[in-house]
Amino acid sequence: MINNTLGIGIQGIQDGMVGMDNAARKIARGGADGPQGSAEGAGNLAEPMIELNLYKRSVEASAQVVKTADETIGTLLDIKV
């Protein structure tokens, strides 16, 4: 079960990093999904910035899952020894 928890935490970190990368690319493009300088994409940075923050928090939460699982494994090893 702990092994599965570690896997879920690591997968969450990886997914969050991919999401952060995608959001950062949108921000670098100026939020424009269409041709550069188009009126529909101009100044539309709010959504990718929110996405970036959400993915950041997702990575932080997943890292906490991994940390907790690691501490649990350490505790179990201490008890067993």
PDB file of N, CA and C in Angstrom:
ATOM      1  N   MET A   1       0.824  -1.199   0.000  1.00  0.00           N
ATOM      2  CA  MET A   1       0.000   0.000   0.000  1.00  0.00           C
ATOM      3  C   MET A   1       0.867   1.261   0.000  1.00  0.00           C
ATOM      4  N   ILE A   2       1.935   1.260   0.782  1.00  0.00           N
ATOM      5  CA  ILE A   2       2.809   2.431   0.821  1.00  0.00           C
ATOM      6  C   ILE A   2       3.504   2.601  -0.525  1.00  0.00           C
ATOM      7  N   ASN A   3       3.888   1.476  -1.135  1.00  0.00           N
ATOM      8  CA  ASN A   3       4.524   1.524  -2.442  1.00  0.00           C
ATOM      9  C   ASN A   3       3.590   2.176  -3.462  1.00  0.00           C
ATOM     10  N   ASN A   4       2.306   1.809  -3.408  1.00  0.00           N
ATOM     11  CA  ASN A   4       1.304   2.399  -4.285  1.00  0.00           C
ATOM     12  C   ASN A   4       1.156   3.894  -4.010  1.00  0.00           C
ATOM     13  N   THR A   5       1.196   4.270  -2.749  1.00  0.00           N
ATOM     14  CA  THR A   5       1.093   5.683  -2.382  1.00  0.00           C
ATOM     15  C   THR A   5       2.270   6.475  -2.932  1.00  0.00           C
ATOM     16  N   LEU A   6       3.464   5.890  -2.840  1.00  0.00           N
ATOM     17  CA  LEU A   6       4.643   6.549  -3.418  1.00  0.00           C
ATOM     18  C   LEU A   6       4.461   6.741  -4.913  1.00  0.00           C
ATOM     19  N   GLY A   7       3.974   5.715  -5.589  1.00  0.00           N
ATOM     20  CA  GLY A   7       3.753   5.800  -7.037  1.00  0.00           C
ATOM     21  C   GLY A   7       2.754   6.883  -7.401  1.00  0.00           C
ATOM     22  N   ILE A   8       1.690   6.973  -6.635  1.00  0.00           N
ATOM     23  CA  ILE A   8       0.675   8.004  -6.880  1.00  0.00           C
ATOM     24  C   ILE A   8       1.273   9.395  -6.668  1.00  0.00           C
ATOM     25  N   GLY A   9       2.059   9.546  -5.609  1.00  0.00           N
ATOM     26  CA  GLY A   9       2.696  10.831  -5.341  1.00  0.00           C
ATOM     27  C   GLY A   9       3.662  11.235  -6.443  1.00  0.00           C
ATOM     28  N   ILE A  10       4.463  10.277  -6.886  1.00  0.00           N
ATOM     29  CA  ILE A  10       5.432  10.566  -7.950  1.00  0.00           C
ATOM     30  C   ILE A  10       4.707  10.899  -9.251  1.00  0.00           C
ATOM     31  N   GLN A  11       3.649  10.151  -9.569  1.00  0.00           N
ATOM     32  CA  GLN A  11       2.874  10.439 -10.780  1.00  0.00           C
ATOM     33  C   GLN A  11       2.245  11.829 -10.692  1.00  0.00           C
ATOM     34  N   GLY A  12       1.774  12.194  -9.520  1.00  0.00           N
ATOM     35  CA  GLY A  12       1.207  13.527  -9.333  1.00  0.00           C
ATOM     36  C   GLY A  12       2.234  14.625  -9.563  1.00  0.00           C
ATOM     37  N   ILE A  13       3.458  14.398  -9.096  1.00  0.00           N
ATOM     38  CA  ILE A  13       4.528  15.372  -9.320  1.00  0.00           C
ATOM     39  C   ILE A  13       4.818  15.495 -10.808  1.00  0.00           C
ATOM     40  N   GLN A  14       4.934  14.350 -11.483  1.00  0.00           N
ATOM     41  CA  GLN A  14       5.218  14.375 -12.917  1.00  0.00           C
ATOM     42  C   GLN A  14       4.111  15.065 -13.705  1.00  0.00           C
ATOM     43  N   ASP A  15       2.857  14.749 -13.405  1.00  0.00           N
ATOM     44  CA  ASP A  15       1.727  15.379 -14.090  1.00  0.00           C
ATOM     45  C   ASP A  15       1.699  16.885 -13.824  1.00  0.00           C
ATOM     46  N   GLY A  16       1.964  17.261 -12.589  1.00  0.00           N
ATOM     47  CA  GLY A  16       1.984  18.678 -12.241  1.00  0.00           C
ATOM     48  C   GLY A  16       3.087  19.438 -12.965  1.00  0.00           C
ATOM     49  N   MET A  17       4.245  18.800 -13.099  1.00  0.00           N
ATOM     50  CA  MET A  17       5.360  19.451 -13.804  1.00  0.00           C
ATOM     51  C   MET A  17       5.029  19.651 -15.280  1.00  0.00           C
ATOM     52  N   VAL A  18       4.369  18.665 -15.888  1.00  0.00           N
ATOM     53  CA  VAL A  18       3.953  18.803 -17.292  1.00  0.00           C
ATOM     54  C   VAL A  18       2.943  19.950 -17.410  1.00  0.00           C
ATOM     55  N   GLY A  19       1.989  19.995 -16.491  1.00  0.00           N
ATOM     56  CA  GLY A  19       0.998  21.071 -16.512  1.00  0.00           C
ATOM     57  C   GLY A  19       1.637  22.440 -16.314  1.00  0.00           C
ATOM     58  N   MET A  20       2.611  22.517 -15.396  1.00  0.00           N
ATOM     59  CA  MET A  20       3.310  23.788 -15.181  1.00  0.00           C
ATOM     60  C   MET A  20       4.060  24.210 -16.433  1.00  0.00           C
ATOM     61  N   ASP A  21       4.689  23.245 -17.100  1.00  0.00           N
ATOM     62  CA  ASP A  21       5.423  23.540 -18.328  1.00  0.00           C
ATOM     63  C   ASP A  21       4.481  24.078 -19.403  1.00  0.00           C
ATOM     64  N   ASN A  22       3.320  23.442 -19.558  1.00  0.00           N
ATOM     65  CA  ASN A  22       2.347  23.905 -20.550  1.00  0.00           C
ATOM     66  C   ASN A  22       1.833  25.307 -20.225  1.00  0.00           C
ATOM     67  N   ALA A  23       1.533  25.542 -18.958  1.00  0.00           N
ATOM     68  CA  ALA A  23       1.044  26.866 -18.554  1.00  0.00           C
ATOM     69  C   ALA A  23       2.121  27.928 -18.768  1.00  0.00           C
ATOM     70  N   ALA A  24       3.371  27.585 -18.449  1.00  0.00           N
ATOM     71  CA  ALA A  24       4.469  28.534 -18.646  1.00  0.00           C
ATOM     72  C   ALA A  24       4.653  28.857 -20.121  1.00  0.00           C
ATOM     73  N   ARG A  25       4.469  27.863 -20.980  1.00  0.00           N
ATOM     74  CA  ARG A  25       4.572  28.111 -22.427  1.00  0.00           C
ATOM     75  C   ARG A  25       3.472  29.064 -22.892  1.00  0.00           C
ATOM     76  N   LYS A  26       2.252  28.888 -22.354  1.00  0.00           N
ATOM     77  CA  LYS A  26       1.155  29.801 -22.699  1.00  0.00           C
ATOM     78  C   LYS A  26       1.487  31.221 -22.254  1.00  0.00           C
ATOM     79  N   ILE A  27       2.051  31.341 -21.056  1.00  0.00           N
ATOM     80  CA  ILE A  27       2.421  32.665 -20.546  1.00  0.00           C
ATOM     81  C   ILE A  27       3.496  33.277 -21.428  1.00  0.00           C
ATOM     82  N   ALA A  28       4.482  32.468 -21.828  1.00  0.00           N
ATOM     83  CA  ALA A  28       5.565  32.966 -22.677  1.00  0.00           C
ATOM     84  C   ALA A  28       5.044  33.434 -24.030  1.00  0.00           C
ATOM     85  N   ARG A  29       3.982  32.792 -24.505  1.00  0.00           N
ATOM     86  CA  ARG A  29       3.376  33.214 -25.772  1.00  0.00           C
ATOM     87  C   ARG A  29       2.469  34.422 -25.573  1.00  0.00           C
ATOM     88  N   GLY A  30       2.356  34.890 -24.375  1.00  0.00           N
ATOM     89  CA  GLY A  30       1.501  36.039 -24.089  1.00  0.00           C
ATOM     90  C   GLY A  30       0.052  35.651 -23.928  1.00  0.00           C
ATOM     91  N   GLY A  31      -0.203  34.374 -23.697  1.00  0.00           N
ATOM     92  CA  GLY A  31      -1.570  33.914 -23.511  1.00  0.00           C
ATOM     93  C   GLY A  31      -2.310  33.716 -24.806  1.00  0.00           C
ATOM     94  N   ALA A  32      -1.650  33.999 -25.923  1.00  0.00           N
ATOM     95  CA  ALA A  32      -2.317  33.887 -27.221  1.00  0.00           C
ATOM     96  C   ALA A  32      -2.273  32.449 -27.709  1.00  0.00           C
ATOM     97  N   ASP A  33      -3.447  31.898 -27.980  1.00  0.00           N
ATOM     98  CA  ASP A  33      -3.517  30.564 -28.565  1.00  0.00           C
ATOM     99  C   ASP A  33      -3.612  30.676 -30.081  1.00  0.00           C
ATOM    100  N   GLY A  34      -3.979  31.834 -30.550  1.00  0.00           N
ATOM    101  CA  GLY A  34      -4.084  32.055 -31.987  1.00  0.00           C
ATOM    102  C   GLY A  34      -2.817  32.700 -32.509  1.00  0.00           C
ATOM    103  N   PRO A  35      -2.894  33.291 -33.690  1.00  0.00           N
ATOM    104  CA  PRO A  35      -1.724  33.964 -34.247  1.00  0.00           C
ATOM    105  C   PRO A  35      -1.247  35.078 -33.332  1.00  0.00           C
ATOM    106  N   GLN A  36       0.073  35.269 -33.303  1.00  0.00           N
ATOM    107  CA  GLN A  36       0.636  36.285 -32.420  1.00  0.00           C
ATOM    108  C   GLN A  36       0.060  37.644 -32.777  1.00  0.00           C
ATOM    109  N   GLY A  37      -0.339  38.354 -31.751  1.00  0.00           N
ATOM    110  CA  GLY A  37      -0.891  39.689 -31.943  1.00  0.00           C
ATOM    111  C   GLY A  37      -2.380  39.702 -32.219  1.00  0.00           C
ATOM    112  N   SER A  38      -3.035  38.534 -32.195  1.00  0.00           N
ATOM    113  CA  SER A  38      -4.472  38.522 -32.452  1.00  0.00           C
ATOM    114  C   SER A  38      -5.206  39.151 -31.273  1.00  0.00           C
ATOM    115  N   ALA A  39      -6.338  39.749 -31.574  1.00  0.00           N
ATOM    116  CA  ALA A  39      -7.101  40.443 -30.541  1.00  0.00           C
ATOM    117  C   ALA A  39      -7.656  39.469 -29.506  1.00  0.00           C
ATOM    118  N   GLU A  40      -8.012  38.242 -29.928  1.00  0.00           N
ATOM    119  CA  GLU A  40      -8.615  37.296 -28.985  1.00  0.00           C
ATOM    120  C   GLU A  40      -7.626  36.796 -27.941  1.00  0.00           C
ATOM    121  N   GLY A  41      -6.336  36.771 -28.271  1.00  0.00           N
ATOM    122  CA  GLY A  41      -5.356  36.269 -27.324  1.00  0.00           C
ATOM    123  C   GLY A  41      -4.611  37.355 -26.582  1.00  0.00           C
ATOM    124  N   ALA A  42      -4.759  38.579 -27.010  1.00  0.00           N
ATOM    125  CA  ALA A  42      -3.991  39.678 -26.427  1.00  0.00           C
ATOM    126  C   ALA A  42      -4.365  39.898 -24.973  1.00  0.00           C
ATOM    127  N   GLY A  43      -3.371  39.868 -24.121  1.00  0.00           N
ATOM    128  CA  GLY A  43      -3.574  40.164 -22.713  1.00  0.00           C
ATOM    129  C   GLY A  43      -4.300  39.082 -21.938  1.00  0.00           C
ATOM    130  N   ASN A  44      -4.491  37.915 -22.529  1.00  0.00           N
ATOM    131  CA  ASN A  44      -5.222  36.845 -21.863  1.00  0.00           C
ATOM    132  C   ASN A  44      -4.250  35.963 -21.078  1.00  0.00           C
ATOM    133  N   LEU A  45      -3.637  36.536 -20.073  1.00  0.00           N
ATOM    134  CA  LEU A  45      -2.667  35.813 -19.267  1.00  0.00           C
ATOM    135  C   LEU A  45      -3.249  35.276 -17.971  1.00  0.00           C
ATOM    136  N   ALA A  46      -4.435  35.703 -17.630  1.00  0.00           N
ATOM    137  CA  ALA A  46      -5.018  35.294 -16.346  1.00  0.00           C
ATOM    138  C   ALA A  46      -5.194  33.786 -16.259  1.00  0.00           C
ATOM    139  N   GLU A  47      -5.760  33.179 -17.292  1.00  0.00           N
ATOM    140  CA  GLU A  47      -6.015  31.739 -17.244  1.00  0.00           C
ATOM    141  C   GLU A  47      -4.736  30.909 -17.124  1.00  0.00           C
ATOM    142  N   PRO A  48      -3.709  31.145 -17.961  1.00  0.00           N
ATOM    143  CA  PRO A  48      -2.497  30.338 -17.781  1.00  0.00           C
ATOM    144  C   PRO A  48      -1.780  30.613 -16.459  1.00  0.00           C
ATOM    145  N   MET A  49      -1.905  31.813 -15.910  1.00  0.00           N
ATOM    146  CA  MET A  49      -1.278  32.091 -14.617  1.00  0.00           C
ATOM    147  C   MET A  49      -2.005  31.341 -13.501  1.00  0.00           C
ATOM    148  N   ILE A  50      -3.320  31.255 -13.602  1.00  0.00           N
ATOM    149  CA  ILE A  50      -4.093  30.480 -12.631  1.00  0.00           C
ATOM    150  C   ILE A  50      -3.735  29.010 -12.754  1.00  0.00           C
ATOM    151  N   GLU A  51      -3.638  28.510 -13.997  1.00  0.00           N
ATOM    152  CA  GLU A  51      -3.245  27.114 -14.220  1.00  0.00           C
ATOM    153  C   GLU A  51      -1.870  26.840 -13.615  1.00  0.00           C
ATOM    154  N   LEU A  52      -0.943  27.752 -13.824  1.00  0.00           N
ATOM    155  CA  LEU A  52       0.405  27.584 -13.292  1.00  0.00           C
ATOM    156  C   LEU A  52       0.366  27.450 -11.768  1.00  0.00           C
ATOM    157  N   ASN A  53      -0.419  28.299 -11.123  1.00  0.00           N
ATOM    158  CA  ASN A  53      -0.540  28.255  -9.666  1.00  0.00           C
ATOM    159  C   ASN A  53      -1.199  26.950  -9.198  1.00  0.00           C
ATOM    160  N   LEU A  54      -2.226  26.505  -9.921  1.00  0.00           N
ATOM    161  CA  LEU A  54      -2.900  25.260  -9.555  1.00  0.00           C
ATOM    162  C   LEU A  54      -1.955  24.065  -9.690  1.00  0.00           C
ATOM    163  N   TYR A  55      -1.202  24.028 -10.780  1.00  0.00           N
ATOM    164  CA  TYR A  55      -0.253  22.925 -10.967  1.00  0.00           C
ATOM    165  C   TYR A  55       0.870  22.991  -9.933  1.00  0.00           C
ATOM    166  N   LYS A  56       1.279  24.179  -9.570  1.00  0.00           N
ATOM    167  CA  LYS A  56       2.308  24.331  -8.525  1.00  0.00           C
ATOM    168  C   LYS A  56       1.807  23.722  -7.222  1.00  0.00           C
ATOM    169  N   ARG A  57       0.582  24.036  -6.862  1.00  0.00           N
ATOM    170  CA  ARG A  57       0.007  23.488  -5.621  1.00  0.00           C
ATOM    171  C   ARG A  57      -0.179  21.975  -5.717  1.00  0.00           C
ATOM    172  N   SER A  58      -0.490  21.500  -6.911  1.00  0.00           N
ATOM    173  CA  SER A  58      -0.617  20.058  -7.118  1.00  0.00           C
ATOM    174  C   SER A  58       0.720  19.358  -6.898  1.00  0.00           C
ATOM    175  N   VAL A  59       1.797  19.961  -7.398  1.00  0.00           N
ATOM    176  CA  VAL A  59       3.134  19.395  -7.200  1.00  0.00           C
ATOM    177  C   VAL A  59       3.487  19.414  -5.718  1.00  0.00           C
ATOM    178  N   GLU A  60       3.197  20.512  -5.042  1.00  0.00           N
ATOM    179  CA  GLU A  60       3.489  20.607  -3.610  1.00  0.00           C
ATOM    180  C   GLU A  60       2.728  19.538  -2.820  1.00  0.00           C
ATOM    181  N   ALA A  61       1.447  19.328  -3.154  1.00  0.00           N
ATOM    182  CA  ALA A  61       0.644  18.329  -2.454  1.00  0.00           C
ATOM    183  C   ALA A  61       1.180  16.921  -2.723  1.00  0.00           C
ATOM    184  N   SER A  62       1.541  16.658  -3.965  1.00  0.00           N
ATOM    185  CA  SER A  62       2.087  15.344  -4.310  1.00  0.00           C
ATOM    186  C   SER A  62       3.426  15.111  -3.627  1.00  0.00           C
ATOM    187  N   ALA A  63       4.239  16.152  -3.521  1.00  0.00           N
ATOM    188  CA  ALA A  63       5.517  16.026  -2.819  1.00  0.00           C
ATOM    189  C   ALA A  63       5.287  15.711  -1.343  1.00  0.00           C
ATOM    190  N   GLN A  64       4.243  16.280  -0.766  1.00  0.00           N
ATOM    191  CA  GLN A  64       3.918  15.984   0.634  1.00  0.00           C
ATOM    192  C   GLN A  64       3.481  14.535   0.789  1.00  0.00           C
ATOM    193  N   VAL A  65       2.754  14.001  -0.190  1.00  0.00           N
ATOM    194  CA  VAL A  65       2.359  12.590  -0.164  1.00  0.00           C
ATOM    195  C   VAL A  65       3.601  11.707  -0.161  1.00  0.00           C
ATOM    196  N   VAL A  66       4.562  12.022  -1.044  1.00  0.00           N
ATOM    197  CA  VAL A  66       5.798  11.245  -1.117  1.00  0.00           C
ATOM    198  C   VAL A  66       6.571  11.345   0.200  1.00  0.00           C
ATOM    199  N   LYS A  67       6.655  12.543   0.752  1.00  0.00           N
ATOM    200  CA  LYS A  67       7.370  12.753   2.011  1.00  0.00           C
ATOM    201  C   LYS A  67       6.737  11.942   3.141  1.00  0.00           C
ATOM    202  N   THR A  68       5.413  11.977   3.224  1.00  0.00           N
ATOM    203  CA  THR A  68       4.717  11.248   4.274  1.00  0.00           C
ATOM    204  C   THR A  68       4.906   9.736   4.117  1.00  0.00           C
ATOM    205  N   ALA A  69       4.828   9.247   2.883  1.00  0.00           N
ATOM    206  CA  ALA A  69       5.048   7.822   2.642  1.00  0.00           C
ATOM    207  C   ALA A  69       6.473   7.431   3.020  1.00  0.00           C
ATOM    208  N   ASP A  70       7.428   8.284   2.694  1.00  0.00           N
ATOM    209  CA  ASP A  70       8.823   8.022   3.041  1.00  0.00           C
ATOM    210  C   ASP A  70       9.001   7.964   4.558  1.00  0.00           C
ATOM    211  N   GLU A  71       8.391   8.901   5.263  1.00  0.00           N
ATOM    212  CA  GLU A  71       8.478   8.911   6.724  1.00  0.00           C
ATOM    213  C   GLU A  71       7.821   7.669   7.320  1.00  0.00           C
ATOM    214  N   THR A  72       6.723   7.242   6.729  1.00  0.00           N
ATOM    215  CA  THR A  72       6.032   6.042   7.206  1.00  0.00           C
ATOM    216  C   THR A  72       6.910   4.810   7.021  1.00  0.00           C
ATOM    217  N   ILE A  73       7.546   4.712   5.877  1.00  0.00           N
ATOM    218  CA  ILE A  73       8.466   3.600   5.635  1.00  0.00           C
ATOM    219  C   ILE A  73       9.593   3.627   6.660  1.00  0.00           C
ATOM    220  N   GLY A  74      10.134   4.803   6.915  1.00  0.00           N
ATOM    221  CA  GLY A  74      11.200   4.940   7.921  1.00  0.00           C
ATOM    222  C   GLY A  74      10.739   4.497   9.298  1.00  0.00           C
ATOM    223  N   THR A  75       9.553   4.888   9.669  1.00  0.00           N
ATOM    224  CA  THR A  75       8.999   4.498  10.970  1.00  0.00           C
ATOM    225  C   THR A  75       8.821   2.992  11.046  1.00  0.00           C
ATOM    226  N   LEU A  76       8.287   2.404   9.983  1.00  0.00           N
ATOM    227  CA  LEU A  76       8.092   0.951   9.978  1.00  0.00           C
ATOM    228  C   LEU A  76       9.415   0.203  10.066  1.00  0.00           C
ATOM    229  N   LEU A  77      10.420   0.720   9.389  1.00  0.00           N
ATOM    230  CA  LEU A  77      11.748   0.092   9.473  1.00  0.00           C
ATOM    231  C   LEU A  77      12.332   0.223  10.874  1.00  0.00           C
ATOM    232  N   ASP A  78      12.128   1.386  11.500  1.00  0.00           N
ATOM    233  CA  ASP A  78      12.620   1.569  12.875  1.00  0.00           C
ATOM    234  C   ASP A  78      11.936   0.601  13.845  1.00  0.00           C
ATOM    235  N   ILE A  79      10.642   0.392  13.653  1.00  0.00           N
ATOM    236  CA  ILE A  79       9.890  -0.507  14.536  1.00  0.00           C
ATOM    237  C   ILE A  79      10.354  -1.948  14.332  1.00  0.00           C
ATOM    238  N   LYS A  80      10.608  -2.301  13.082  1.00  0.00           N
ATOM    239  CA  LYS A  80      10.983  -3.682  12.764  1.00  0.00           C
ATOM    240  C   LYS A  80      12.378  -4.015  13.292  1.00  0.00           C
ATOM    241  N   VAL A  81      13.265  -3.042  13.341  1.00  0.00           N
ATOM    242  CA  VAL A  81      14.658  -3.299  13.763  1.00  0.00           C
ATOM    243  C   VAL A  81      14.771  -3.428  15.223  1.00  0.00           C
TER     244      VAL A  81
END
